[in-house]
PDB file of all heavy atoms in Angstrom:
ATOM      1  N   HIS A   1      -1.952  -3.969   2.455  1.00  0.00           N
ATOM      2  CA  HIS A   1      -2.163  -2.595   2.934  1.00  0.00           C
ATOM      3  C   HIS A   1      -2.503  -2.606   4.426  1.00  0.00           C
ATOM      4  O   HIS A   1      -1.889  -1.880   5.216  1.00  0.00           O
ATOM      5  CB  HIS A   1      -3.293  -1.950   2.112  1.00  0.00           C
ATOM      6  CG  HIS A   1      -3.582  -0.534   2.462  1.00  0.00           C
ATOM      7  ND1 HIS A   1      -3.317   0.498   1.611  1.00  0.00           N
ATOM      8  CD2 HIS A   1      -4.123   0.020   3.568  1.00  0.00           C
ATOM      9  CE1 HIS A   1      -3.689   1.637   2.184  1.00  0.00           C
ATOM     10  NE2 HIS A   1      -4.189   1.367   3.378  1.00  0.00           N
ATOM     11  N   GLU A   2      -3.462  -3.434   4.806  1.00  0.00           N
ATOM     12  CA  GLU A   2      -3.876  -3.461   6.214  1.00  0.00           C
ATOM     13  C   GLU A   2      -2.794  -4.057   7.104  1.00  0.00           C
ATOM     14  O   GLU A   2      -2.575  -3.573   8.216  1.00  0.00           O
ATOM     15  CB  GLU A   2      -5.205  -4.192   6.379  1.00  0.00           C
ATOM     16  CG  GLU A   2      -6.364  -3.557   5.628  1.00  0.00           C
ATOM     17  CD  GLU A   2      -6.510  -2.053   5.819  1.00  0.00           C
ATOM     18  OE1 GLU A   2      -6.128  -1.517   6.891  1.00  0.00           O
ATOM     19  OE2 GLU A   2      -7.002  -1.390   4.888  1.00  0.00           O
ATOM     20  N   LEU A   3      -2.102  -5.069   6.648  1.00  0.00           N
ATOM     21  CA  LEU A   3      -1.009  -5.628   7.447  1.00  0.00           C
ATOM     22  C   LEU A   3       0.115  -4.610   7.634  1.00  0.00           C
ATOM     23  O   LEU A   3       0.733  -4.557   8.705  1.00  0.00           O
ATOM     24  CB  LEU A   3      -0.471  -6.905   6.801  1.00  0.00           C
ATOM     25  CG  LEU A   3      -1.365  -8.139   6.925  1.00  0.00           C
ATOM     26  CD1 LEU A   3      -0.838  -9.266   6.041  1.00  0.00           C
ATOM     27  CD2 LEU A   3      -1.477  -8.594   8.381  1.00  0.00           C
ATOM     28  N   CYS A   4       0.378  -3.806   6.640  1.00  0.00           N
ATOM     29  CA  CYS A   4       1.422  -2.773   6.774  1.00  0.00           C
ATOM     30  C   CYS A   4       1.039  -1.726   7.814  1.00  0.00           C
ATOM     31  O   CYS A   4       1.915  -1.091   8.411  1.00  0.00           O
ATOM     32  CB  CYS A   4       1.713  -2.128   5.420  1.00  0.00           C
ATOM     33  SG  CYS A   4       2.655  -3.211   4.315  1.00  0.00           S
ATOM     34  N   HIS A   5      -0.242  -1.570   8.064  1.00  0.00           N
ATOM     35  CA  HIS A   5      -0.668  -0.662   9.140  1.00  0.00           C
ATOM     36  C   HIS A   5      -0.272  -1.205  10.513  1.00  0.00           C
ATOM     37  O   HIS A   5      -0.246  -0.460  11.487  1.00  0.00           O
ATOM     38  CB  HIS A   5      -2.176  -0.417   9.091  1.00  0.00           C
ATOM     39  CG  HIS A   5      -2.564   0.617   8.095  1.00  0.00           C
ATOM     40  ND1 HIS A   5      -1.966   1.846   8.010  1.00  0.00           N
ATOM     41  CD2 HIS A   5      -3.518   0.593   7.126  1.00  0.00           C
ATOM     42  CE1 HIS A   5      -2.522   2.545   7.040  1.00  0.00           C
ATOM     43  NE2 HIS A   5      -3.462   1.804   6.485  1.00  0.00           N
ATOM     44  N   ARG A   6       0.065  -2.473  10.597  1.00  0.00           N
ATOM     45  CA  ARG A   6       0.577  -3.015  11.860  1.00  0.00           C
ATOM     46  C   ARG A   6       1.955  -2.436  12.160  1.00  0.00           C
ATOM     47  O   ARG A   6       2.384  -2.418  13.309  1.00  0.00           O
ATOM     48  CB  ARG A   6       0.645  -4.544  11.816  1.00  0.00           C
ATOM     49  CG  ARG A   6      -0.688  -5.229  11.665  1.00  0.00           C
ATOM     50  CD  ARG A   6      -1.535  -5.171  12.925  1.00  0.00           C
ATOM     51  NE  ARG A   6      -0.905  -5.943  13.960  1.00  0.00           N
ATOM     52  CZ  ARG A   6      -0.735  -5.512  15.224  1.00  0.00           C
ATOM     53  NH1 ARG A   6      -1.158  -4.325  15.586  1.00  0.00           N
ATOM     54  NH2 ARG A   6      -0.140  -6.282  16.097  1.00  0.00           N
ATOM     55  N   LYS A   7       2.655  -1.957  11.133  1.00  0.00           N
ATOM     56  CA  LYS A   7       3.959  -1.314  11.312  1.00  0.00           C
ATOM     57  C   LYS A   7       3.823   0.200  11.368  1.00  0.00           C
ATOM     58  O   LYS A   7       4.526   0.862  12.128  1.00  0.00           O
ATOM     59  CB  LYS A   7       4.901  -1.680  10.156  1.00  0.00           C
ATOM     60  CG  LYS A   7       5.383  -3.099  10.187  1.00  0.00           C
ATOM     61  CD  LYS A   7       6.397  -3.330   9.081  1.00  0.00           C
ATOM     62  CE  LYS A   7       7.096  -4.666   9.286  1.00  0.00           C
ATOM     63  NZ  LYS A   7       8.132  -4.890   8.276  1.00  0.00           N
ATOM     64  N   GLU A   8       2.972   0.738  10.548  1.00  0.00           N
ATOM     65  CA  GLU A   8       2.763   2.187  10.436  1.00  0.00           C
ATOM     66  C   GLU A   8       1.265   2.442  10.405  1.00  0.00           C
ATOM     67  O   GLU A   8       0.611   2.120   9.422  1.00  0.00           O
ATOM     68  CB  GLU A   8       3.394   2.728   9.142  1.00  0.00           C
ATOM     69  CG  GLU A   8       4.885   2.579   9.038  1.00  0.00           C
ATOM     70  CD  GLU A   8       5.636   3.604   9.880  1.00  0.00           C
ATOM     71  OE1 GLU A   8       5.084   4.698  10.144  1.00  0.00           O
ATOM     72  OE2 GLU A   8       6.772   3.299  10.274  1.00  0.00           O
ATOM     73  N   MET A   9       0.734   3.050  11.476  1.00  0.00           N
ATOM     74  CA  MET A   9      -0.710   3.317  11.523  1.00  0.00           C
ATOM     75  C   MET A   9      -1.035   4.650  10.836  1.00  0.00           C
ATOM     76  O   MET A   9      -1.757   5.491  11.370  1.00  0.00           O
ATOM     77  CB  MET A   9      -1.214   3.321  12.971  1.00  0.00           C
ATOM     78  CG  MET A   9      -1.297   1.949  13.595  1.00  0.00           C
ATOM     79  SD  MET A   9      -2.492   0.864  12.793  1.00  0.00           S
ATOM     80  CE  MET A   9      -4.021   1.462  13.469  1.00  0.00           C
ATOM     81  N   ASN A  10      -0.476   4.829   9.671  1.00  0.00           N
ATOM     82  CA  ASN A  10      -0.665   6.064   8.908  1.00  0.00           C
ATOM     83  C   ASN A  10      -0.394   5.742   7.443  1.00  0.00           C
ATOM     84  O   ASN A  10      -0.183   4.600   7.089  1.00  0.00           O
ATOM     85  CB  ASN A  10       0.292   7.149   9.421  1.00  0.00           C
ATOM     86  CG  ASN A  10       1.732   6.666   9.405  1.00  0.00           C
ATOM     87  OD1 ASN A  10       2.220   6.163   8.400  1.00  0.00           O
ATOM     88  ND2 ASN A  10       2.414   6.785  10.534  1.00  0.00           N
ATOM     89  N   HIS A  11      -0.399   6.769   6.621  1.00  0.00           N
ATOM     90  CA  HIS A  11      -0.075   6.605   5.203  1.00  0.00           C
ATOM     91  C   HIS A  11       1.169   7.420   4.860  1.00  0.00           C
ATOM     92  O   HIS A  11       1.203   8.137   3.870  1.00  0.00           O
ATOM     93  CB  HIS A  11      -1.267   7.002   4.325  1.00  0.00           C
ATOM     94  CG  HIS A  11      -2.401   6.031   4.397  1.00  0.00           C
ATOM     95  ND1 HIS A  11      -3.607   6.345   4.966  1.00  0.00           N
ATOM     96  CD2 HIS A  11      -2.497   4.743   4.010  1.00  0.00           C
ATOM     97  CE1 HIS A  11      -4.411   5.290   4.903  1.00  0.00           C
ATOM     98  NE2 HIS A  11      -3.759   4.296   4.332  1.00  0.00           N
ATOM     99  N   SER A  12       2.182   7.257   5.673  1.00  0.00           N
ATOM    100  CA  SER A  12       3.443   7.981   5.485  1.00  0.00           C
ATOM    101  C   SER A  12       4.257   7.355   4.348  1.00  0.00           C
ATOM    102  O   SER A  12       3.922   6.302   3.814  1.00  0.00           O
ATOM    103  CB  SER A  12       4.261   7.922   6.779  1.00  0.00           C
ATOM    104  OG  SER A  12       4.619   6.564   7.052  1.00  0.00           O
ATOM    105  N   LYS A  13       5.360   8.000   4.021  1.00  0.00           N
ATOM    106  CA  LYS A  13       6.268   7.456   3.004  1.00  0.00           C
ATOM    107  C   LYS A  13       6.782   6.089   3.431  1.00  0.00           C
ATOM    108  O   LYS A  13       6.926   5.189   2.600  1.00  0.00           O
ATOM    109  CB  LYS A  13       7.440   8.411   2.762  1.00  0.00           C
ATOM    110  CG  LYS A  13       7.055   9.638   1.996  1.00  0.00           C
ATOM    111  CD  LYS A  13       8.268  10.524   1.738  1.00  0.00           C
ATOM    112  CE  LYS A  13       7.842  11.755   0.960  1.00  0.00           C
ATOM    113  NZ  LYS A  13       8.964  12.640   0.684  1.00  0.00           N
ATOM    114  N   ARG A  14       7.045   5.918   4.715  1.00  0.00           N
ATOM    115  CA  ARG A  14       7.520   4.614   5.209  1.00  0.00           C
ATOM    116  C   ARG A  14       6.459   3.533   5.020  1.00  0.00           C
ATOM    117  O   ARG A  14       6.758   2.401   4.660  1.00  0.00           O
ATOM    118  CB  ARG A  14       7.935   4.705   6.675  1.00  0.00           C
ATOM    119  CG  ARG A  14       9.245   5.420   6.863  1.00  0.00           C
ATOM    120  CD  ARG A  14       9.871   5.248   8.220  1.00  0.00           C
ATOM    121  NE  ARG A  14       8.982   4.982   9.325  1.00  0.00           N
ATOM    122  CZ  ARG A  14       9.042   5.584  10.504  1.00  0.00           C
ATOM    123  NH1 ARG A  14       9.960   6.501  10.736  1.00  0.00           N
ATOM    124  NH2 ARG A  14       8.211   5.270  11.460  1.00  0.00           N
ATOM    125  N   PHE A  15       5.201   3.911   5.261  1.00  0.00           N
ATOM    126  CA  PHE A  15       4.101   2.965   5.066  1.00  0.00           C
ATOM    127  C   PHE A  15       4.064   2.503   3.609  1.00  0.00           C
ATOM    128  O   PHE A  15       4.041   1.305   3.323  1.00  0.00           O
ATOM    129  CB  PHE A  15       2.762   3.606   5.454  1.00  0.00           C
ATOM    130  CG  PHE A  15       1.575   2.795   5.018  1.00  0.00           C
ATOM    131  CD1 PHE A  15       1.133   1.726   5.776  1.00  0.00           C
ATOM    132  CD2 PHE A  15       0.910   3.086   3.835  1.00  0.00           C
ATOM    133  CE1 PHE A  15       0.046   0.957   5.366  1.00  0.00           C
ATOM    134  CE2 PHE A  15      -0.169   2.332   3.419  1.00  0.00           C
ATOM    135  CZ  PHE A  15      -0.604   1.260   4.185  1.00  0.00           C
ATOM    136  N   TRP A  16       4.040   3.460   2.678  1.00  0.00           N
ATOM    137  CA  TRP A  16       3.940   3.116   1.257  1.00  0.00           C
ATOM    138  C   TRP A  16       5.168   2.365   0.774  1.00  0.00           C
ATOM    139  O   TRP A  16       5.065   1.493  -0.097  1.00  0.00           O
ATOM    140  CB  TRP A  16       3.665   4.353   0.412  1.00  0.00           C
ATOM    141  CG  TRP A  16       2.269   4.850   0.647  1.00  0.00           C
ATOM    142  CD1 TRP A  16       1.891   6.007   1.256  1.00  0.00           C
ATOM    143  CD2 TRP A  16       1.051   4.171   0.301  1.00  0.00           C
ATOM    144  NE1 TRP A  16       0.521   6.092   1.309  1.00  0.00           N
ATOM    145  CE2 TRP A  16      -0.020   4.980   0.726  1.00  0.00           C
ATOM    146  CE3 TRP A  16       0.771   2.958  -0.327  1.00  0.00           C
ATOM    147  CZ2 TRP A  16      -1.351   4.616   0.539  1.00  0.00           C
ATOM    148  CZ3 TRP A  16      -0.560   2.591  -0.516  1.00  0.00           C
ATOM    149  CH2 TRP A  16      -1.605   3.419  -0.077  1.00  0.00           C
ATOM    150  N   ALA A  17       6.327   2.656   1.340  1.00  0.00           N
ATOM    151  CA  ALA A  17       7.542   1.913   0.979  1.00  0.00           C
ATOM    152  C   ALA A  17       7.409   0.455   1.400  1.00  0.00           C
ATOM    153  O   ALA A  17       7.865  -0.451   0.686  1.00  0.00           O
ATOM    154  CB  ALA A  17       8.769   2.556   1.626  1.00  0.00           C
ATOM    155  N   GLU A  18       6.791   0.218   2.534  1.00  0.00           N
ATOM    156  CA  GLU A  18       6.579  -1.157   3.008  1.00  0.00           C
ATOM    157  C   GLU A  18       5.588  -1.893   2.105  1.00  0.00           C
ATOM    158  O   GLU A  18       5.799  -3.052   1.753  1.00  0.00           O
ATOM    159  CB  GLU A  18       6.090  -1.147   4.462  1.00  0.00           C
ATOM    160  CG  GLU A  18       5.995  -2.497   5.093  1.00  0.00           C
ATOM    161  CD  GLU A  18       7.333  -3.215   5.225  1.00  0.00           C
ATOM    162  OE1 GLU A  18       8.400  -2.574   5.167  1.00  0.00           O
ATOM    163  OE2 GLU A  18       7.297  -4.455   5.375  1.00  0.00           O
ATOM    164  N   VAL A  19       4.500  -1.224   1.736  1.00  0.00           N
ATOM    165  CA  VAL A  19       3.537  -1.834   0.811  1.00  0.00           C
ATOM    166  C   VAL A  19       4.247  -2.200  -0.492  1.00  0.00           C
ATOM    167  O   VAL A  19       4.105  -3.316  -1.003  1.00  0.00           O
ATOM    168  CB  VAL A  19       2.344  -0.887   0.537  1.00  0.00           C
ATOM    169  CG1 VAL A  19       1.447  -1.451  -0.558  1.00  0.00           C
ATOM    170  CG2 VAL A  19       1.525  -0.645   1.805  1.00  0.00           C
ATOM    171  N   GLU A  20       5.039  -1.271  -1.004  1.00  0.00           N
ATOM    172  CA  GLU A  20       5.735  -1.509  -2.269  1.00  0.00           C
ATOM    173  C   GLU A  20       6.794  -2.611  -2.152  1.00  0.00           C
ATOM    174  O   GLU A  20       7.009  -3.370  -3.101  1.00  0.00           O
ATOM    175  CB  GLU A  20       6.377  -0.212  -2.758  1.00  0.00           C
ATOM    176  CG  GLU A  20       6.938  -0.317  -4.150  1.00  0.00           C
ATOM    177  CD  GLU A  20       7.324   1.022  -4.723  1.00  0.00           C
ATOM    178  OE1 GLU A  20       7.690   1.934  -3.946  1.00  0.00           O
ATOM    179  OE2 GLU A  20       7.280   1.161  -5.952  1.00  0.00           O
ATOM    180  N   ARG A  21       7.417  -2.726  -0.999  1.00  0.00           N
ATOM    181  CA  ARG A  21       8.396  -3.796  -0.796  1.00  0.00           C
ATOM    182  C   ARG A  21       7.741  -5.157  -0.979  1.00  0.00           C
ATOM    183  O   ARG A  21       8.297  -6.057  -1.606  1.00  0.00           O
ATOM    184  CB  ARG A  21       9.014  -3.698   0.608  1.00  0.00           C
ATOM    185  CG  ARG A  21      10.034  -4.804   0.922  1.00  0.00           C
ATOM    186  CD  ARG A  21      10.501  -4.772   2.359  1.00  0.00           C
ATOM    187  NE  ARG A  21       9.482  -5.171   3.315  1.00  0.00           N
ATOM    188  CZ  ARG A  21       9.120  -6.438   3.561  1.00  0.00           C
ATOM    189  NH1 ARG A  21       9.677  -7.436   2.918  1.00  0.00           N
ATOM    190  NH2 ARG A  21       8.188  -6.708   4.464  1.00  0.00           N
ATOM    191  N   VAL A  22       6.538  -5.302  -0.451  1.00  0.00           N
ATOM    192  CA  VAL A  22       5.832  -6.586  -0.513  1.00  0.00           C
ATOM    193  C   VAL A  22       5.126  -6.766  -1.861  1.00  0.00           C
ATOM    194  O   VAL A  22       5.136  -7.860  -2.426  1.00  0.00           O
ATOM    195  CB  VAL A  22       4.817  -6.703   0.650  1.00  0.00           C
ATOM    196  CG1 VAL A  22       4.043  -8.006   0.583  1.00  0.00           C
ATOM    197  CG2 VAL A  22       5.529  -6.566   1.992  1.00  0.00           C
ATOM    198  N   LEU A  23       4.527  -5.695  -2.358  1.00  0.00           N
ATOM    199  CA  LEU A  23       3.787  -5.754  -3.633  1.00  0.00           C
ATOM    200  C   LEU A  23       4.259  -4.606  -4.532  1.00  0.00           C
ATOM    201  O   LEU A  23       3.648  -3.538  -4.540  1.00  0.00           O
ATOM    202  CB  LEU A  23       2.284  -5.616  -3.396  1.00  0.00           C
ATOM    203  CG  LEU A  23       1.560  -6.768  -2.727  1.00  0.00           C
ATOM    204  CD1 LEU A  23       0.098  -6.424  -2.507  1.00  0.00           C
ATOM    205  CD2 LEU A  23       1.670  -8.032  -3.561  1.00  0.00           C
ATOM    206  N   PRO A  24       5.307  -4.807  -5.292  1.00  0.00           N
ATOM    207  CA  PRO A  24       5.845  -3.730  -6.122  1.00  0.00           C
ATOM    208  C   PRO A  24       4.829  -3.118  -7.095  1.00  0.00           C
ATOM    209  O   PRO A  24       4.930  -1.945  -7.435  1.00  0.00           O
ATOM    210  CB  PRO A  24       6.995  -4.396  -6.884  1.00  0.00           C
ATOM    211  CG  PRO A  24       7.368  -5.575  -6.053  1.00  0.00           C
ATOM    212  CD  PRO A  24       6.109  -6.026  -5.376  1.00  0.00           C
ATOM    213  N   ASP A  25       3.837  -3.900  -7.518  1.00  0.00           N
ATOM    214  CA  ASP A  25       2.836  -3.401  -8.472  1.00  0.00           C
ATOM    215  C   ASP A  25       1.529  -2.995  -7.793  1.00  0.00           C
ATOM    216  O   ASP A  25       0.466  -3.029  -8.415  1.00  0.00           O
ATOM    217  CB  ASP A  25       2.545  -4.469  -9.531  1.00  0.00           C
ATOM    218  CG  ASP A  25       3.773  -4.809 -10.355  1.00  0.00           C
ATOM    219  OD1 ASP A  25       4.646  -3.931 -10.512  1.00  0.00           O
ATOM    220  OD2 ASP A  25       3.861  -5.950 -10.833  1.00  0.00           O
ATOM    221  N   TYR A  26       1.588  -2.574  -6.532  1.00  0.00           N
ATOM    222  CA  TYR A  26       0.353  -2.288  -5.788  1.00  0.00           C
ATOM    223  C   TYR A  26      -0.490  -1.195  -6.428  1.00  0.00           C
ATOM    224  O   TYR A  26      -1.710  -1.177  -6.284  1.00  0.00           O
ATOM    225  CB  TYR A  26       0.661  -1.942  -4.328  1.00  0.00           C
ATOM    226  CG  TYR A  26       1.153  -0.548  -4.098  1.00  0.00           C
ATOM    227  CD1 TYR A  26       0.266   0.497  -3.865  1.00  0.00           C
ATOM    228  CD2 TYR A  26       2.513  -0.243  -4.122  1.00  0.00           C
ATOM    229  CE1 TYR A  26       0.712   1.790  -3.653  1.00  0.00           C
ATOM    230  CE2 TYR A  26       2.965   1.031  -3.915  1.00  0.00           C
ATOM    231  CZ  TYR A  26       2.067   2.051  -3.690  1.00  0.00           C
ATOM    232  OH  TYR A  26       2.510   3.329  -3.493  1.00  0.00           O
ATOM    233  N   ARG A  27       0.149  -0.279  -7.152  1.00  0.00           N
ATOM    234  CA  ARG A  27      -0.608   0.827  -7.759  1.00  0.00           C
ATOM    235  C   ARG A  27      -1.635   0.330  -8.780  1.00  0.00           C
ATOM    236  O   ARG A  27      -2.673   0.957  -8.981  1.00  0.00           O
ATOM    237  CB  ARG A  27       0.340   1.825  -8.397  1.00  0.00           C
ATOM    238  CG  ARG A  27       1.101   2.649  -7.377  1.00  0.00           C
ATOM    239  CD  ARG A  27       2.111   3.583  -8.039  1.00  0.00           C
ATOM    240  NE  ARG A  27       2.913   4.270  -7.048  1.00  0.00           N
ATOM    241  CZ  ARG A  27       4.044   3.786  -6.539  1.00  0.00           C
ATOM    242  NH1 ARG A  27       4.508   2.615  -6.931  1.00  0.00           N
ATOM    243  NH2 ARG A  27       4.718   4.477  -5.639  1.00  0.00           N
ATOM    244  N   GLU A  28      -1.350  -0.801  -9.395  1.00  0.00           N
ATOM    245  CA  GLU A  28      -2.301  -1.402 -10.337  1.00  0.00           C
ATOM    246  C   GLU A  28      -3.594  -1.787  -9.612  1.00  0.00           C
ATOM    247  O   GLU A  28      -4.695  -1.582 -10.119  1.00  0.00           O
ATOM    248  CB  GLU A  28      -1.648  -2.630 -10.958  1.00  0.00           C
ATOM    249  CG  GLU A  28      -2.168  -3.013 -12.307  1.00  0.00           C
ATOM    250  CD  GLU A  28      -1.359  -4.160 -12.891  1.00  0.00           C
ATOM    251  OE1 GLU A  28      -0.129  -4.030 -13.034  1.00  0.00           O
ATOM    252  OE2 GLU A  28      -1.989  -5.190 -13.188  1.00  0.00           O
ATOM    253  N   ALA A  29      -3.464  -2.350  -8.430  1.00  0.00           N
ATOM    254  CA  ALA A  29      -4.641  -2.727  -7.637  1.00  0.00           C
ATOM    255  C   ALA A  29      -5.387  -1.490  -7.156  1.00  0.00           C
ATOM    256  O   ALA A  29      -6.621  -1.474  -7.167  1.00  0.00           O
ATOM    257  CB  ALA A  29      -4.220  -3.588  -6.452  1.00  0.00           C
ATOM    258  N   GLU A  30      -4.656  -0.478  -6.741  1.00  0.00           N
ATOM    259  CA  GLU A  30      -5.309   0.774  -6.341  1.00  0.00           C
ATOM    260  C   GLU A  30      -6.123   1.341  -7.499  1.00  0.00           C
ATOM    261  O   GLU A  30      -7.256   1.795  -7.316  1.00  0.00           O
ATOM    262  CB  GLU A  30      -4.266   1.819  -5.926  1.00  0.00           C
ATOM    263  CG  GLU A  30      -3.780   1.693  -4.530  1.00  0.00           C
ATOM    264  CD  GLU A  30      -2.959   2.908  -4.146  1.00  0.00           C
ATOM    265  OE1 GLU A  30      -2.179   3.421  -4.982  1.00  0.00           O
ATOM    266  OE2 GLU A  30      -3.112   3.345  -2.996  1.00  0.00           O
ATOM    267  N   ARG A  31      -5.533   1.312  -8.678  1.00  0.00           N
ATOM    268  CA  ARG A  31      -6.209   1.823  -9.871  1.00  0.00           C
ATOM    269  C   ARG A  31      -7.479   1.032 -10.141  1.00  0.00           C
ATOM    270  O   ARG A  31      -8.535   1.593 -10.436  1.00  0.00           O
ATOM    271  CB  ARG A  31      -5.265   1.763 -11.070  1.00  0.00           C
ATOM    272  CG  ARG A  31      -5.716   2.531 -12.278  1.00  0.00           C
ATOM    273  CD  ARG A  31      -4.686   2.582 -13.410  1.00  0.00           C
ATOM    274  NE  ARG A  31      -3.343   2.891 -12.935  1.00  0.00           N
ATOM    275  CZ  ARG A  31      -2.287   2.048 -12.998  1.00  0.00           C
ATOM    276  NH1 ARG A  31      -2.425   0.862 -13.541  1.00  0.00           N
ATOM    277  NH2 ARG A  31      -1.118   2.409 -12.536  1.00  0.00           N
ATOM    278  N   TRP A  32      -7.401  -0.289  -9.998  1.00  0.00           N
ATOM    279  CA  TRP A  32      -8.580  -1.124 -10.231  1.00  0.00           C
ATOM    280  C   TRP A  32      -9.697  -0.741  -9.263  1.00  0.00           C
ATOM    281  O   TRP A  32     -10.848  -0.611  -9.663  1.00  0.00           O
ATOM    282  CB  TRP A  32      -8.231  -2.609 -10.090  1.00  0.00           C
ATOM    283  CG  TRP A  32      -9.321  -3.501 -10.587  1.00  0.00           C
ATOM    284  CD1 TRP A  32      -9.413  -4.066 -11.820  1.00  0.00           C
ATOM    285  CD2 TRP A  32     -10.505  -3.899  -9.874  1.00  0.00           C
ATOM    286  NE1 TRP A  32     -10.585  -4.800 -11.913  1.00  0.00           N
ATOM    287  CE2 TRP A  32     -11.266  -4.706 -10.743  1.00  0.00           C
ATOM    288  CE3 TRP A  32     -10.995  -3.639  -8.591  1.00  0.00           C
ATOM    289  CZ2 TRP A  32     -12.490  -5.267 -10.367  1.00  0.00           C
ATOM    290  CZ3 TRP A  32     -12.209  -4.193  -8.217  1.00  0.00           C
ATOM    291  CH2 TRP A  32     -12.945  -4.989  -9.086  1.00  0.00           C
ATOM    292  N   LEU A  33      -9.351  -0.572  -7.994  1.00  0.00           N
ATOM    293  CA  LEU A  33     -10.368  -0.200  -7.002  1.00  0.00           C
ATOM    294  C   LEU A  33     -10.986   1.164  -7.309  1.00  0.00           C
ATOM    295  O   LEU A  33     -12.193   1.349  -7.149  1.00  0.00           O
ATOM    296  CB  LEU A  33      -9.770  -0.205  -5.594  1.00  0.00           C
ATOM    297  CG  LEU A  33      -9.669  -1.570  -4.936  1.00  0.00           C
ATOM    298  CD1 LEU A  33      -8.906  -1.469  -3.623  1.00  0.00           C
ATOM    299  CD2 LEU A  33     -11.044  -2.185  -4.714  1.00  0.00           C
ATOM    300  N   LYS A  34     -10.166   2.099  -7.746  1.00  0.00           N
ATOM    301  CA  LYS A  34     -10.708   3.427  -8.090  1.00  0.00           C
ATOM    302  C   LYS A  34     -11.658   3.335  -9.280  1.00  0.00           C
ATOM    303  O   LYS A  34     -12.677   4.025  -9.324  1.00  0.00           O
ATOM    304  CB  LYS A  34      -9.577   4.405  -8.387  1.00  0.00           C
ATOM    305  CG  LYS A  34      -8.906   4.901  -7.138  1.00  0.00           C
ATOM    306  CD  LYS A  34      -7.795   5.874  -7.442  1.00  0.00           C
ATOM    307  CE  LYS A  34      -7.131   6.274  -6.136  1.00  0.00           C
ATOM    308  NZ  LYS A  34      -5.849   6.886  -6.303  1.00  0.00           N
ATOM    309  N   GLU A  35     -11.316   2.489 -10.236  1.00  0.00           N
ATOM    310  CA  GLU A  35     -12.137   2.368 -11.439  1.00  0.00           C
ATOM    311  C   GLU A  35     -13.376   1.506 -11.242  1.00  0.00           C
ATOM    312  O   GLU A  35     -14.398   1.737 -11.883  1.00  0.00           O
ATOM    313  CB  GLU A  35     -11.298   1.803 -12.591  1.00  0.00           C
ATOM    314  CG  GLU A  35     -10.235   2.758 -13.079  1.00  0.00           C
ATOM    315  CD  GLU A  35      -9.307   2.138 -14.118  1.00  0.00           C
ATOM    316  OE1 GLU A  35      -9.556   0.982 -14.568  1.00  0.00           O
ATOM    317  OE2 GLU A  35      -8.318   2.808 -14.481  1.00  0.00           O
ATOM    318  N   HIS A  36     -13.315   0.494 -10.376  1.00  0.00           N
ATOM    319  CA  HIS A  36     -14.406  -0.484 -10.271  1.00  0.00           C
ATOM    320  C   HIS A  36     -15.031  -0.596  -8.883  1.00  0.00           C
ATOM    321  O   HIS A  36     -16.049  -1.280  -8.734  1.00  0.00           O
ATOM    322  CB  HIS A  36     -13.902  -1.870 -10.691  1.00  0.00           C
ATOM    323  CG  HIS A  36     -13.343  -1.895 -12.071  1.00  0.00           C
ATOM    324  ND1 HIS A  36     -14.119  -1.851 -13.195  1.00  0.00           N
ATOM    325  CD2 HIS A  36     -12.055  -1.928 -12.511  1.00  0.00           C
ATOM    326  CE1 HIS A  36     -13.357  -1.877 -14.271  1.00  0.00           C
ATOM    327  NE2 HIS A  36     -12.093  -1.924 -13.874  1.00  0.00           N
TER     328      HIS A  36
END
């Protein structure tokens, strides 16, 4: 997530597409952080 901000200093669709390109299951980690 933080490394992708080196490409996009925002949370745009392009940013999230880059996160997903590297970690296709990133939403699972987001869910864990929200829960724990």
